[in-house]
Amino acid sequence: MKKLSIALVAATGLFTLSACNNNESETIVETKAGDITKDEFYQALKDRFGKDVLTELVHEKVLSEKYKVSDKEIQAEFDKYQAQLGTQFTSMVEMQGEDVIKDILKVDLLRKKAAEAEVKVTDEEVKEYYDSLKGKIKASHILVADEKTAKEIADKLKSGEKFEDLAKQYSTDPGSAQNGGDLGWFAKGSMVKEFEDTAFKLKEGEVSAPVKSDYGYHIIKVTKTVTTFEKMKDYLKEEASTQKLQQPDTIQSALDKELENANVKVKDEDLKNIFDKEETETNEKTTDTPSEK
């Protein structure tokens, strides 16, 4: 699925493009060098953003018939990206406008809901996942350069501030900070010794004092440990479902099915093939940006 930044670039001409799509040739700019007509403007927008814009419009039109997204859900997604991307996201909002950003997020949520309806996780898959976690723990950390900062963070945690929020604010680990410090599941031998010696002694939900390693000072929180299959079954099924939803093929397959059921036919000759399977796969490869995780 296209990443948020690509969708935001396309959003520059989203509403203008759809509004200009008519047979008029009205002059919209006059200059001494010559005029610019609405048709010329439309063609320029189509050439630059046409595929992305039309995809957004069609997905919203088709998916909104079957799935509903509330203002609360859109705001939660907006807040999530704000927390993850910080000033980068703020700049996008300032350039594009909050309403446009929220329209893009709405379409993204509709796509996710379509994919969720298609994802199936079997009991066998859940059991295989459970077996793969033997000897592992799931933990998060906040990594900082100096002991003073680490102690300040430890005091904030004791006063009730959330671990995830502090990780996003302070952690210097680019691979986990935006995810609230989450490191996922790991076994012994995966981390540096100082980190590992402490992490595997913690109980589920317990937070360590600052731990020094060659990378700096870590504050570690064990978020999940392996118990019995029956106790973990529902949790692991949800995790396995989430992992499937993060696979581009899962979402694209759901979208292909919804578009086929909606009998989508593009009348514009320049854009008529954008929902063909081969064209869709090509667009995904050329427009994907690095993960925002």
Foldseek 3Di string as FASTA:
>chain_A
DFDLVLLLVLLQCQVVLVVLPDDDFDFDAQDPVGTHTSVNVNVVNCVVRVLSNVVLVVLCVLLVVPDDDDPVNLVVVLVLCCLLVPPVSVVSCVVNNPVSSSSSSRSVVSLLVLLLVVDDDDLVNLVVVLVVQVQKFWKFKAFAAALVVLVVVVVVVVVPDDQLSVLLVHGPPVVQSSVSRTPGIDHPPPDDPQVVVPVVVDDAQDWDRWTQDPRHTMIMHTHGDRDDCVVCRVVSRVVVRVVLSPDPVSSLVSVLVSCVVVVDADPDPVNRCCSPPVNVVVCCVVRHDPDSD
